[in-house]
Amino acid sequence: LNTAYFWGKENLLFETIENEFGIGLDKYVIVDFTSLMDIIYALDGVEIDVKESEIKEVNKFIPECYKFCKNPNKGEMELIKEPGKQTLNGYQALSYSRIRKADSAIFRDGRQRKVINAIMKKYQDVS
């Protein structure tokens, strides 16, 4: 799916999903790194339960995501220091979403869903 989106954006992605899974899509949202971080900053962070085994990998991505983040509210760079439920800012949540080596792609997809679900929950709480 990533390759389909890379080469043909939404059109090829939708065609691939239709052909491979028999699912037609008519509504969608595209979230890139910058917009993901901006949404999280607008919500004053999201609550994520970070596992001990994820900390090293999250912190590996934090410097890169911090430099990429253009949000004026990003403050000083902060690494994740301990496991457990905590409020992650934009670049920390993006870093959490990008972990690849702590486990597998299935778990990475799960982390991405956790971040999106945390955004939705926070948005509902704010509304």
Protein backbone atom coordinates (compact mmCIF):
# COMPACT_ATOMS: atom_id res chain seq x y z
CA LEU A 1 0.00 0.00 0.00
CA ASN A 2 2.85 2.36 0.77
CA THR A 3 4.32 1.73 -2.68
CA ALA A 4 0.96 2.33 -4.37
CA TYR A 5 0.58 5.65 -2.56
CA PHE A 6 4.17 6.65 -3.31
CA TRP A 7 3.83 6.03 -7.06
CA GLY A 8 0.21 7.00 -7.68
CA LYS A 9 -1.06 8.89 -4.63
CA GLU A 10 -4.74 8.38 -3.72
CA ASN A 11 -5.86 7.08 -7.11
CA LEU A 12 -3.44 4.14 -7.25
CA LEU A 13 -3.88 3.44 -3.54
CA PHE A 14 -7.68 3.22 -3.89
CA GLU A 15 -7.36 1.09 -7.01
CA THR A 16 -4.97 -1.26 -5.19
CA ILE A 17 -7.28 -1.56 -2.17
CA GLU A 18 -10.24 -2.24 -4.45
CA ASN A 19 -8.35 -4.87 -6.47
CA GLU A 20 -6.63 -6.63 -3.57
CA PHE A 21 -9.30 -6.45 -0.86
CA GLY A 22 -12.55 -5.74 -2.71
CA ILE A 23 -13.12 -2.60 -0.66
CA GLY A 24 -14.23 0.64 -2.29
CA LEU A 25 -13.30 3.87 -0.53
CA ASP A 26 -15.12 7.15 -1.05
CA LYS A 27 -13.89 9.16 1.95
CA TYR A 28 -10.40 9.50 3.30
CA VAL A 29 -8.02 11.64 5.30
CA ILE A 30 -4.34 12.12 4.51
CA VAL A 31 -2.13 12.97 7.45
CA ASP A 32 1.51 13.82 6.85
CA PHE A 33 4.20 14.29 9.49
CA THR A 34 3.76 18.07 9.74
CA SER A 35 -0.02 18.02 10.04
CA LEU A 36 0.11 15.17 12.58
CA MET A 37 2.43 17.19 14.81
CA ASP A 38 0.38 20.38 14.37
CA ILE A 39 -2.84 18.57 15.33
CA ILE A 40 -1.20 17.16 18.46
CA TYR A 41 0.16 20.59 19.45
CA ALA A 42 -3.31 22.10 18.95
CA LEU A 43 -4.61 19.50 21.43
CA ASP A 44 -1.77 20.14 23.94
CA GLY A 45 -0.42 16.63 23.43
CA VAL A 46 -1.84 13.11 23.48
CA GLU A 47 -1.74 10.44 26.18
CA ILE A 48 0.21 7.35 25.16
CA ASP A 49 1.33 4.37 27.25
CA VAL A 50 4.99 3.98 26.27
CA LYS A 51 6.50 0.58 27.00
CA GLU A 52 9.99 0.15 28.42
CA SER A 53 11.01 -1.74 25.26
CA GLU A 54 9.97 1.23 23.07
CA ILE A 55 11.89 4.03 24.81
CA LYS A 56 15.27 3.50 23.12
CA GLU A 57 13.71 3.44 19.65
CA VAL A 58 11.42 6.44 20.30
CA ASN A 59 14.41 8.45 21.48
CA LYS A 60 16.33 7.47 18.34
CA PHE A 61 13.76 9.28 16.17
CA ILE A 62 13.18 12.28 18.46
CA PRO A 63 16.13 14.44 17.24
CA GLU A 64 15.12 13.96 13.59
CA CYS A 65 11.44 14.68 14.26
CA TYR A 66 12.34 17.67 16.44
CA LYS A 67 14.36 19.22 13.60
CA PHE A 68 11.55 18.48 11.13
CA CYS A 69 8.93 20.08 13.40
CA LYS A 70 8.30 23.73 12.51
CA ASN A 71 5.62 24.32 15.16
CA PRO A 72 6.50 27.40 17.25
CA ASN A 73 5.22 25.63 20.39
CA LYS A 74 7.69 22.76 20.25
CA GLY A 75 9.91 24.08 23.06
CA GLU A 76 13.20 22.40 23.96
CA MET A 77 13.86 18.87 22.75
CA GLU A 78 12.82 16.28 25.33
CA LEU A 79 13.59 12.58 25.23
CA ILE A 80 11.30 10.00 26.80
CA LYS A 81 12.80 9.11 30.18
CA GLU A 82 10.51 6.43 31.58
CA PRO A 83 7.77 4.01 30.55
CA GLY A 84 4.08 4.39 31.32
CA LYS A 85 1.18 6.64 30.42
CA GLN A 86 2.33 10.13 29.59
CA THR A 87 1.40 13.11 27.47
CA LEU A 88 3.50 13.21 24.32
CA ASN A 89 3.96 16.39 22.33
CA GLY A 90 3.90 16.51 18.53
CA TYR A 91 7.45 15.41 17.72
CA GLN A 92 7.44 12.78 20.49
CA ALA A 93 4.18 11.25 19.23
CA LEU A 94 5.48 11.24 15.66
CA SER A 95 8.68 9.55 16.87
CA TYR A 96 6.59 6.96 18.73
CA SER A 97 4.60 6.32 15.53
CA ARG A 98 7.76 5.74 13.49
CA ILE A 99 9.35 2.99 15.62
CA ARG A 100 10.29 0.07 13.38
CA LYS A 101 12.94 -1.96 15.16
CA ALA A 102 11.52 -2.55 18.65
CA ASP A 103 9.24 -5.31 17.32
CA SER A 104 7.50 -5.58 13.92
CA ALA A 105 5.53 -3.66 11.29
CA ILE A 106 2.28 -4.93 12.83
CA PHE A 107 3.22 -3.30 16.14
CA ARG A 108 4.27 -0.11 14.33
CA ASP A 109 0.86 0.02 12.68
CA GLY A 110 -0.66 -0.49 16.13
CA ARG A 111 1.34 2.43 17.52
CA GLN A 112 0.15 4.62 14.66
CA ARG A 113 -3.45 3.63 15.45
CA LYS A 114 -2.85 4.41 19.14
CA VAL A 115 -1.71 7.93 18.24
CA ILE A 116 -4.69 8.50 15.91
CA ASN A 117 -7.09 7.11 18.55
CA ALA A 118 -5.50 9.32 21.21
CA ILE A 119 -6.01 12.34 18.93
CA MET A 120 -9.66 11.40 18.40
CA LYS A 121 -10.21 10.86 22.14
CA LYS A 122 -8.56 14.15 23.02
CA TYR A 123 -10.60 15.95 20.36
CA GLN A 124 -13.83 14.45 21.76
CA ASP A 125 -12.83 15.50 25.28
CA VAL A 126 -12.15 19.07 24.08
CA SER A 127 -15.45 19.32 22.17
